[in-house]
C-alpha atoms as a PDB file:
ATOM      1  CA  MET A   1      25.297  89.939  33.055  1.00  0.00           C
ATOM      2  CA  ARG A   2      25.284  89.951  36.656  1.00  0.00           C
ATOM      3  CA  PHE A   3      23.261  93.059  37.258  1.00  0.00           C
ATOM      4  CA  PHE A   4      21.458  94.335  34.065  1.00  0.00           C
ATOM      5  CA  THR A   5      20.120  91.173  32.770  1.00  0.00           C
ATOM      6  CA  GLN A   6      17.657  90.453  29.938  1.00  0.00           C
ATOM      7  CA  ALA A   7      14.766  90.544  32.539  1.00  0.00           C
ATOM      8  CA  TRP A   8      15.880  93.867  33.849  1.00  0.00           C
ATOM      9  CA  HIS A   9      16.109  95.207  30.279  1.00  0.00           C
ATOM     10  CA  ALA A  10      12.777  93.893  29.423  1.00  0.00           C
ATOM     11  CA  GLY A  11      11.255  95.753  32.417  1.00  0.00           C
ATOM     12  CA  GLU A  12      10.220  92.508  34.294  1.00  0.00           C
ATOM     13  CA  TYR A  13      11.081  94.052  37.583  1.00  0.00           C
ATOM     14  CA  SER A  14       8.932  96.445  39.724  1.00  0.00           C
ATOM     15  CA  ASP A  15      10.409  99.872  40.179  1.00  0.00           C
ATOM     16  CA  GLU A  16      11.706  99.054  43.519  1.00  0.00           C
ATOM     17  CA  GLU A  17      13.374  95.932  42.244  1.00  0.00           C
ATOM     18  CA  ALA A  18      14.958  97.749  39.352  1.00  0.00           C
ATOM     19  CA  GLU A  19      16.318 100.469  41.628  1.00  0.00           C
ATOM     20  CA  ASP A  20      17.645  97.820  44.034  1.00  0.00           C
ATOM     21  CA  ILE A  21      19.604  96.241  41.035  1.00  0.00           C
ATOM     22  CA  ARG A  22      20.989  99.558  40.144  1.00  0.00           C
ATOM     23  CA  ALA A  23      21.970 100.480  43.810  1.00  0.00           C
ATOM     24  CA  ARG A  24      23.807  96.997  44.010  1.00  0.00           C
ATOM     25  CA  TYR A  25      25.537  97.618  40.778  1.00  0.00           C
ATOM     26  CA  LEU A  26      26.698 101.104  41.781  1.00  0.00           C
ATOM     27  CA  ALA A  27      27.905  99.616  45.169  1.00  0.00           C
ATOM     28  CA  HIS A  28      29.918  96.849  43.327  1.00  0.00           C
ATOM     29  CA  ARG A  29      31.306  99.480  40.967  1.00  0.00           C
ATOM     30  CA  SER A  30      32.375 101.618  43.927  1.00  0.00           C
ATOM     31  CA  GLU A  31      33.936  98.678  45.472  1.00  0.00           C
ATOM     32  CA  LEU A  32      36.048  97.811  42.381  1.00  0.00           C
ATOM     33  CA  ALA A  33      37.105 101.310  41.486  1.00  0.00           C
ATOM     34  CA  PRO A  34      40.198 101.558  43.599  1.00  0.00           C
ATOM     35  CA  THR A  35      41.667  98.351  42.037  1.00  0.00           C
ATOM     36  CA  LEU A  36      41.247  99.556  38.511  1.00  0.00           C
ATOM     37  CA  PRO A  37      43.802 101.412  36.192  1.00  0.00           C
ATOM     38  CA  ALA A  38      43.094 105.179  36.072  1.00  0.00           C
ATOM     39  CA  ASP A  39      41.792 105.224  32.627  1.00  0.00           C
ATOM     40  CA  LEU A  40      39.244 102.349  33.494  1.00  0.00           C
ATOM     41  CA  ARG A  41      38.310 103.905  36.588  1.00  0.00           C
ATOM     42  CA  ARG A  42      37.526 107.263  34.871  1.00  0.00           C
ATOM     43  CA  PHE A  43      35.378 105.214  32.360  1.00  0.00           C
ATOM     44  CA  THR A  44      33.315 103.742  35.219  1.00  0.00           C
ATOM     45  CA  GLU A  45      32.505 107.308  36.243  1.00  0.00           C
ATOM     46  CA  ILE A  46      30.829 108.108  32.695  1.00  0.00           C
ATOM     47  CA  ASP A  47      27.232 107.114  32.200  1.00  0.00           C
ATOM     48  CA  VAL A  48      26.812 105.454  28.828  1.00  0.00           C
ATOM     49  CA  HIS A  49      23.365 104.122  29.608  1.00  0.00           C
ATOM     50  CA  ASP A  50      21.212 104.394  26.365  1.00  0.00           C
ATOM     51  CA  ALA A  51      24.300 105.674  24.523  1.00  0.00           C
ATOM     52  CA  ARG A  52      23.902 105.302  20.581  1.00  0.00           C
ATOM     53  CA  ILE A  53      26.582 103.871  18.530  1.00  0.00           C
ATOM     54  CA  LYS A  54      27.946 106.614  16.048  1.00  0.00           C
ATOM     55  CA  SER A  55      30.579 104.249  14.470  1.00  0.00           C
ATOM     56  CA  LEU A  56      32.221 101.030  14.995  1.00  0.00           C
ATOM     57  CA  ILE A  57      35.482 100.292  13.086  1.00  0.00           C
ATOM     58  CA  LEU A  58      36.989  96.949  12.897  1.00  0.00           C
ATOM     59  CA  ASP A  59      40.809  96.950  12.134  1.00  0.00           C
ATOM     60  CA  ARG A  60      41.887  93.281  11.418  1.00  0.00           C
ATOM     61  CA  ARG A  61      45.305  94.497  10.607  1.00  0.00           C
ATOM     62  CA  ASP A  62      46.114  96.129  13.995  1.00  0.00           C
ATOM     63  CA  LYS A  63      43.797  93.889  15.935  1.00  0.00           C
ATOM     64  CA  GLY A  64      41.714  96.651  17.094  1.00  0.00           C
ATOM     65  CA  VAL A  65      38.123  97.860  17.634  1.00  0.00           C
ATOM     66  CA  ARG A  66      37.076 101.556  17.767  1.00  0.00           C
ATOM     67  CA  LEU A  67      33.619 102.337  19.059  1.00  0.00           C
ATOM     68  CA  GLU A  68      32.276 105.896  18.981  1.00  0.00           C
ATOM     69  CA  LEU A  69      29.405 106.733  21.153  1.00  0.00           C
ATOM     70  CA  ARG A  70      26.951 109.540  21.612  1.00  0.00           C
ATOM     71  CA  ALA A  71      25.854 109.539  25.317  1.00  0.00           C
ATOM     72  CA  GLY A  72      23.985 111.738  27.728  1.00  0.00           C
ATOM     73  CA  ASP A  73      20.604 113.297  28.089  1.00  0.00           C
ATOM     74  CA  ASN A  74      18.462 116.388  27.805  1.00  0.00           C
ATOM     75  CA  GLN A  75      19.241 117.358  31.574  1.00  0.00           C
ATOM     76  CA  ARG A  76      23.100 116.978  31.575  1.00  0.00           C
ATOM     77  CA  GLY A  77      23.809 117.329  27.793  1.00  0.00           C
ATOM     78  CA  TYR A  78      25.240 114.966  25.391  1.00  0.00           C
ATOM     79  CA  PHE A  79      28.801 114.036  24.628  1.00  0.00           C
ATOM     80  CA  ASP A  80      30.745 111.839  22.269  1.00  0.00           C
ATOM     81  CA  LEU A  81      32.962 109.223  23.301  1.00  0.00           C
ATOM     82  CA  MET A  82      35.650 107.185  21.700  1.00  0.00           C
ATOM     83  CA  LEU A  83      36.613 103.724  22.927  1.00  0.00           C
ATOM     84  CA  ASN A  84      39.591 101.916  21.408  1.00  0.00           C
ATOM     85  CA  TYR A  85      40.080  98.345  22.100  1.00  0.00           C
ATOM     86  CA  SER A  86      43.622  96.885  21.216  1.00  0.00           C
ATOM     87  CA  GLY A  87      44.813  93.378  21.254  1.00  0.00           C
ATOM     88  CA  VAL A  88      41.483  92.103  20.169  1.00  0.00           C
ATOM     89  CA  ASP A  89      41.284  88.553  18.684  1.00  0.00           C
ATOM     90  CA  VAL A  90      39.487  89.776  15.613  1.00  0.00           C
ATOM     91  CA  SER A  91      39.566  86.208  14.114  1.00  0.00           C
ATOM     92  CA  THR A  92      36.523  85.585  16.408  1.00  0.00           C
ATOM     93  CA  LEU A  93      34.492  88.683  15.308  1.00  0.00           C
ATOM     94  CA  ASP A  94      31.779  88.532  12.725  1.00  0.00           C
ATOM     95  CA  SER A  95      31.905  91.659  10.645  1.00  0.00           C
ATOM     96  CA  LYS A  96      28.297  91.339   9.603  1.00  0.00           C
ATOM     97  CA  VAL A  97      27.074  90.794  13.291  1.00  0.00           C
ATOM     98  CA  LEU A  98      29.223  94.016  14.352  1.00  0.00           C
ATOM     99  CA  SER A  99      27.852  95.981  11.332  1.00  0.00           C
ATOM    100  CA  ASP A 100      24.237  94.975  12.330  1.00  0.00           C
ATOM    101  CA  LEU A 101      24.798  96.115  15.852  1.00  0.00           C
ATOM    102  CA  ALA A 102      26.111  99.451  14.898  1.00  0.00           C
ATOM    103  CA  LYS A 103      23.151 100.196  12.892  1.00  0.00           C
ATOM    104  CA  ASP A 104      20.751  99.257  15.697  1.00  0.00           C
ATOM    105  CA  PRO A 105      19.758 102.136  17.935  1.00  0.00           C
END
């Protein structure tokens, strides 16, 4: 990942450096937004940081993945978000790995 690397996730940056990374990410996102399809542009406006996976469903027959998230915080409130991915090359997905990911908060 370009912005939120493992080092960022592990807290290896000072508060100032971490805030600079977030600011650069937000600037990059704003720059890209006008070029995105409307649905994807709306998704970029949703903060799913620290979202929890409620369910992950792999549909091999229809080549799709459905991901249900619970996102938000105490200040703004919580909401559920359903992401549907279609046209997924499901032959490359490992059901066990996906199952483990879905169970990991």
